[in-house]
């Protein structure tokens, strides 16, 4: 196995683990974890986030896994915006001794590279019937124009300055149990019906990152379909390690970067 687990954390239904290539583990440092609960009463852990901070060589990375407020009524997207704002405001990593050469980040946006992912729960601002009509025609572009996260980001109300790759896959929520059928087609009650949406997303912040792939898997383990992204990220090396790498090809073969199977069981 080419990867080693360096940190993991669970908070109710939210779980985050960070794996690093075996030869890079010795260059990982400043591992810290922060959690924010945004569930019942605004504090329980069924909603919220786990964030992990680490450094690789001289570059700081932060990974945020979140489950934001649910609901598809008009105005529910504002609750999700509020969750994001509170997480960015309140998530703080334990203070450690400062390096004589640089400051160790304590907030999410203090990091050089940040990846935020999970069930962000943003819905499509269309009726169930309108959405199903567009889905039958595979008209994802028209559907994405009504995606709440896209609308809120373009209005500057959430994730200002963040990036997301082009979505080229079908909505990831909500599916009937162990099937490829959206749940709305199998329930009679309109109260239980959920309009298909791209609830599961991956965004990033900071320079020195390039997204190579953004796709969904086809696991039927839950009523969501998982999403996956592959990034190429730059990391600043110290002078000693840089000299040791001179003349060596440090590039990773593409077949080790890109997932060869898209079923995430």
Protein backbone atom coordinates (compact mmCIF):
# COMPACT_ATOMS: atom_id res chain seq x y z
CA UNK A 1 0.00 0.00 0.00
CA UNK A 2 1.42 3.37 -1.04
CA UNK A 3 -0.47 5.48 1.52
CA UNK A 4 -0.40 5.75 5.32
CA UNK A 5 -3.13 7.04 7.62
CA UNK A 6 -1.85 10.11 9.48
CA UNK A 7 -5.07 11.31 11.18
CA UNK A 8 -8.77 10.48 11.52
CA UNK A 9 -11.72 11.88 13.45
CA UNK A 10 -15.44 11.14 13.76
CA UNK A 11 -18.23 13.42 15.00
CA UNK A 12 -21.60 11.62 14.95
CA UNK A 13 -22.15 10.96 11.21
CA UNK A 14 -19.23 13.05 9.98
CA UNK A 15 -15.92 11.26 9.45
CA UNK A 16 -12.63 12.55 8.08
CA UNK A 17 -9.35 10.73 7.52
CA UNK A 18 -6.13 11.99 5.93
CA UNK A 19 -3.79 9.63 4.10
CA UNK A 20 -0.32 10.51 2.85
CA UNK A 21 2.04 8.78 0.45
CA UNK A 22 4.42 6.63 2.48
CA UNK A 23 7.56 8.46 1.39
CA UNK A 24 6.07 11.83 2.39
CA UNK A 25 5.00 10.95 5.95
CA UNK A 26 8.31 12.13 7.40
CA UNK A 27 7.65 15.58 5.92
CA UNK A 28 4.18 15.97 7.51
CA UNK A 29 3.92 18.09 10.64
CA UNK A 30 1.71 20.29 12.83
CA UNK A 31 -1.24 17.86 12.71
CA UNK A 32 -4.26 19.32 14.49
CA UNK A 33 -8.04 18.83 14.49
CA UNK A 34 -10.95 21.24 15.03
CA UNK A 35 -14.67 20.42 15.22
CA UNK A 36 -17.73 22.64 15.02
CA UNK A 37 -21.26 21.42 15.84
CA UNK A 38 -24.14 23.10 13.99
CA UNK A 39 -26.94 20.63 14.62
CA UNK A 40 -29.83 20.83 17.09
CA UNK A 41 -29.69 24.07 19.12
CA UNK A 42 -26.87 25.16 16.85
CA UNK A 43 -24.28 23.06 18.64
CA UNK A 44 -24.83 19.30 18.34
CA UNK A 45 -22.58 17.30 16.07
CA UNK A 46 -25.11 15.77 13.67
CA UNK A 47 -24.43 18.87 11.54
CA UNK A 48 -21.23 20.89 11.37
CA UNK A 49 -17.69 20.04 10.37
CA UNK A 50 -14.42 18.33 11.13
CA UNK A 51 -11.33 20.22 9.97
CA UNK A 52 -7.77 18.91 9.88
CA UNK A 53 -4.68 21.07 9.63
CA UNK A 54 -1.22 19.87 8.62
CA UNK A 55 1.94 21.00 6.93
CA UNK A 56 3.72 19.22 4.10
CA UNK A 57 7.28 20.48 3.86
CA UNK A 58 6.78 24.25 4.22
CA UNK A 59 3.19 24.43 2.89
CA UNK A 60 0.08 24.34 5.10
CA UNK A 61 -2.98 22.30 4.13
CA UNK A 62 -6.47 22.21 5.63
CA UNK A 63 -9.17 19.63 4.90
CA UNK A 64 -12.77 20.39 5.91
CA UNK A 65 -15.51 17.74 5.88
CA UNK A 66 -18.95 19.18 6.60
CA UNK A 67 -22.64 18.33 6.81
CA UNK A 68 -24.64 21.54 6.51
CA UNK A 69 -28.27 22.36 7.33
CA UNK A 70 -30.84 20.33 5.42
CA UNK A 71 -34.15 21.40 3.87
CA UNK A 72 -35.36 22.40 0.43
CA UNK A 73 -37.83 25.12 1.36
CA UNK A 74 -37.19 28.62 0.03
CA UNK A 75 -34.75 30.33 2.37
CA UNK A 76 -33.13 27.13 3.67
CA UNK A 77 -30.04 27.98 1.63
CA UNK A 78 -29.49 30.91 4.01
CA UNK A 79 -29.13 28.44 6.89
CA UNK A 80 -26.40 26.70 4.95
CA UNK A 81 -24.70 30.03 4.25
CA UNK A 82 -24.84 30.72 7.98
CA UNK A 83 -23.27 27.34 8.75
CA UNK A 84 -20.35 28.08 6.42
CA UNK A 85 -19.84 31.55 7.90
CA UNK A 86 -19.90 30.19 11.47
CA UNK A 87 -17.46 27.40 10.63
CA UNK A 88 -15.01 29.84 9.07
CA UNK A 89 -15.40 32.18 12.03
CA UNK A 90 -15.27 29.67 14.88
CA UNK A 91 -13.10 26.76 13.77
CA UNK A 92 -9.77 27.24 15.51
CA UNK A 93 -6.88 24.81 15.68
CA UNK A 94 -4.91 24.34 18.91
CA UNK A 95 -2.08 26.82 19.22
CA UNK A 96 1.38 25.29 19.03
CA UNK A 97 4.81 26.82 19.31
CA UNK A 98 5.50 29.15 16.44
CA UNK A 99 8.24 28.40 13.97
CA UNK A 100 10.98 31.05 13.94
CA UNK A 101 10.53 31.36 10.17
CA UNK A 102 6.74 31.30 9.74
CA UNK A 103 3.44 31.40 11.56
CA UNK A 104 1.50 28.17 12.09
CA UNK A 105 -2.12 28.72 10.85
CA UNK A 106 -4.89 28.64 13.45
CA UNK A 107 -7.91 29.38 11.23
CA UNK A 108 -9.15 27.63 8.09
CA UNK A 109 -8.42 30.52 5.74
CA UNK A 110 -4.94 31.02 7.20
CA UNK A 111 -3.77 27.92 5.31
CA UNK A 112 -2.01 27.93 1.95
CA UNK A 113 -4.26 25.23 0.46
CA UNK A 114 -7.78 24.34 1.66
CA UNK A 115 -10.16 21.66 0.38
CA UNK A 116 -13.76 21.70 1.67
CA UNK A 117 -16.07 18.79 0.90
CA UNK A 118 -19.07 16.84 2.13
CA UNK A 119 -22.85 17.01 2.15
CA UNK A 120 -23.25 20.77 1.71
CA UNK A 121 -26.98 20.19 1.19
CA UNK A 122 -27.54 22.99 -1.35
CA UNK A 123 -30.55 22.16 -3.51
CA UNK A 124 -31.97 23.07 -6.92
CA UNK A 125 -34.35 26.05 -6.95
CA UNK A 126 -36.93 24.34 -9.16
CA UNK A 127 -40.02 22.26 -8.59
CA UNK A 128 -39.77 18.49 -8.58
CA UNK A 129 -41.60 18.27 -11.91
CA UNK A 130 -39.35 20.85 -13.60
CA UNK A 131 -36.24 19.14 -12.30
CA UNK A 132 -37.33 15.68 -13.46
CA UNK A 133 -38.11 17.04 -16.93
CA UNK A 134 -34.59 18.46 -17.27
CA UNK A 135 -33.06 15.25 -15.92
CA UNK A 136 -34.93 13.12 -18.45
CA UNK A 137 -33.32 15.23 -21.19
CA UNK A 138 -29.90 15.13 -19.48
CA UNK A 139 -30.04 18.93 -19.53
CA UNK A 140 -27.67 19.38 -16.60
CA UNK A 141 -26.55 22.85 -17.71
CA UNK A 142 -30.06 24.28 -17.33
CA UNK A 143 -30.41 22.48 -14.01
CA UNK A 144 -27.08 23.84 -12.76
CA UNK A 145 -28.23 27.38 -13.50
CA UNK A 146 -30.71 26.92 -10.65
CA UNK A 147 -28.26 25.26 -8.30
CA UNK A 148 -28.40 27.10 -4.97
CA UNK A 149 -24.67 26.89 -4.29
CA UNK A 150 -23.87 28.37 -7.71
CA UNK A 151 -26.42 31.15 -7.17
CA UNK A 152 -25.22 31.96 -3.65
CA UNK A 153 -21.54 31.94 -4.63
CA UNK A 154 -22.10 34.20 -7.64
CA UNK A 155 -24.02 36.62 -5.40
CA UNK A 156 -21.07 36.69 -2.99
CA UNK A 157 -23.12 35.36 -0.08
CA UNK A 158 -21.06 32.21 0.56
CA UNK A 159 -17.64 30.73 -0.30
CA UNK A 160 -16.41 34.03 -1.65
CA UNK A 161 -13.03 33.49 -3.32
CA UNK A 162 -13.39 29.70 -3.43
CA UNK A 163 -13.33 27.56 -6.58
CA UNK A 164 -15.29 24.53 -7.75
CA UNK A 165 -14.64 22.37 -10.80
CA UNK A 166 -17.12 21.91 -13.62
CA UNK A 167 -19.89 19.48 -12.73
CA UNK A 168 -20.37 16.88 -15.46
CA UNK A 169 -22.32 14.27 -13.51
CA UNK A 170 -25.93 13.73 -12.49
CA UNK A 171 -27.34 15.01 -9.18
CA UNK A 172 -26.09 12.92 -6.26
CA UNK A 173 -29.19 13.05 -4.02
CA UNK A 174 -31.70 11.56 -3.21
CA UNK A 175 -31.78 7.91 -4.31
CA UNK A 176 -34.05 5.08 -3.23
CA UNK A 177 -32.34 2.44 -1.14
CA UNK A 178 -29.97 0.19 -3.10
CA UNK A 179 -31.13 1.45 -6.50
CA UNK A 180 -30.38 3.88 -9.32
CA UNK A 181 -33.81 5.49 -9.02
CA UNK A 182 -34.31 8.90 -7.45
CA UNK A 183 -36.41 8.64 -4.29
CA UNK A 184 -39.15 10.94 -5.56
CA UNK A 185 -40.21 8.35 -8.10
CA UNK A 186 -40.90 5.69 -5.48
CA UNK A 187 -42.85 7.61 -2.83
CA UNK A 188 -46.49 8.63 -2.98
CA UNK A 189 -46.37 11.32 -0.32
CA UNK A 190 -45.21 14.73 -1.57
CA UNK A 191 -43.91 15.46 1.93
CA UNK A 192 -41.36 12.64 1.59
CA UNK A 193 -40.44 13.56 -1.98
CA UNK A 194 -37.02 15.16 -2.49
CA UNK A 195 -36.06 17.09 -5.60
CA UNK A 196 -32.81 15.66 -7.06
CA UNK A 197 -29.86 17.94 -6.31
CA UNK A 198 -26.07 18.18 -6.17
CA UNK A 199 -25.85 18.10 -2.38
CA UNK A 200 -22.36 16.57 -2.32
CA UNK A 201 -19.61 18.98 -3.39
CA UNK A 202 -15.88 19.69 -3.31
CA UNK A 203 -14.45 23.22 -3.29
CA UNK A 204 -10.95 24.59 -2.78
CA UNK A 205 -9.23 27.79 -1.70
CA UNK A 206 -5.70 29.03 -2.26
CA UNK A 207 -3.16 29.11 -5.06
CA UNK A 208 -0.91 26.31 -6.25
CA UNK A 209 -3.70 23.79 -6.81
CA UNK A 210 -5.07 22.31 -10.02
CA UNK A 211 -8.09 20.04 -10.15
CA UNK A 212 -7.48 17.07 -12.44
CA UNK A 213 -10.80 15.27 -12.02
CA UNK A 214 -14.21 15.86 -10.45
CA UNK A 215 -16.58 12.91 -10.62
CA UNK A 216 -19.13 10.83 -8.77
CA UNK A 217 -19.06 7.18 -7.78
CA UNK A 218 -21.90 4.70 -8.12
CA UNK A 219 -21.96 3.11 -4.69
CA UNK A 220 -25.51 2.34 -3.54
CA UNK A 221 -24.55 2.24 0.12
CA UNK A 222 -26.69 5.31 1.00
CA UNK A 223 -29.27 7.64 -0.53
CA UNK A 224 -26.38 9.83 -1.77
CA UNK A 225 -23.84 9.11 -4.49
CA UNK A 226 -20.24 9.83 -3.37
CA UNK A 227 -18.13 12.44 -5.13
CA UNK A 228 -14.38 12.38 -5.72
CA UNK A 229 -11.79 14.91 -6.87
CA UNK A 230 -8.13 14.60 -7.78
CA UNK A 231 -5.82 17.60 -7.35
CA UNK A 232 -2.22 18.40 -8.17
CA UNK A 233 -0.92 20.63 -5.36
CA UNK A 234 2.37 22.47 -5.05
CA UNK A 235 4.34 22.28 -1.81
CA UNK A 236 7.27 24.49 -0.91
CA UNK A 237 10.31 22.45 0.11
CA UNK A 238 13.14 23.42 2.41
CA UNK A 239 16.49 23.97 0.73
CA UNK A 240 18.07 20.72 1.96
CA UNK A 241 15.26 18.55 0.58
CA UNK A 242 15.13 20.54 -2.66
CA UNK A 243 18.83 19.88 -3.28
CA UNK A 244 18.34 16.18 -2.59
CA UNK A 245 15.63 16.07 -5.24
CA UNK A 246 17.67 17.83 -7.93
CA UNK A 247 18.11 15.57 -10.89
CA UNK A 248 15.42 13.17 -9.72
CA UNK A 249 12.03 12.84 -11.36
CA UNK A 250 9.62 13.61 -8.49
CA UNK A 251 6.49 13.43 -10.62
CA UNK A 252 3.92 10.81 -9.68
CA UNK A 253 2.71 8.56 -12.53
CA UNK A 254 -0.77 9.56 -13.64
CA UNK A 255 -2.14 6.06 -13.07
CA UNK A 256 -1.33 6.46 -9.36
CA UNK A 257 -3.11 9.83 -9.19
CA UNK A 258 -6.30 9.13 -11.11
CA UNK A 259 -8.75 6.60 -9.63
CA UNK A 260 -9.07 3.62 -11.95
CA UNK A 261 -12.35 2.49 -10.39
CA UNK A 262 -15.24 4.81 -9.68
CA UNK A 263 -17.21 2.56 -7.34
CA UNK A 264 -16.42 3.79 -3.85
CA UNK A 265 -17.57 0.98 -1.55
